[in-house]
Amino acid sequence: MTLLDHVLLPVASEEDARATCAALEPYLSDVDRVTAVHVVEKAGGAMDKAPMEKRREDAAAFLSIVDSRLGDRVAVETRTAFGTDVVETLFDEAADAGATAIAFRARGGSRIVQLLTGDVATDLVTDPELPVVSLPVPDGG
């Protein structure tokens, strides 16, 4: 078994799905399985950001990109998860799926944006429950 045998791949948006797949593609020879997860962040008692049906449709669209980009080269499972803490939900999904690592592509943004919105990348690599791999940006992108 290797670190990348079964990768949990967080996907935040359509653009992120494409970019994350492109970042993972050079390493697919080491990957047996991908579980792509989009976390619908719940407000925890407050109003949600958008109607739930719209959020489910968006998640299905984001995840279908992963399946279409990677599914002919590696086994792909897609999941939509719900939680008030994105990072905690990702680790729960990784444990449930039996993933050997979480592989993600840092999404960037200014430090002030990260401070105001919460930096998922930092939270992922701080005291992780399993290995976390930060994928480099592929050449040209």
Foldseek 3Di string as FASTA:
>chain_A
DDLQAEEEEEWAAQVQLVQFLVLCVVVLVVYAEYEYEYEQADPVPDDGPDDPVVVVVRQVNNQVSNCVSCVVRHHYHYYYHYYNDVLVRSLVVCVVVVHQEYEGEQPDDDPVCCVVVPRSVVVCPPPHPHHYHHGDGDPPD
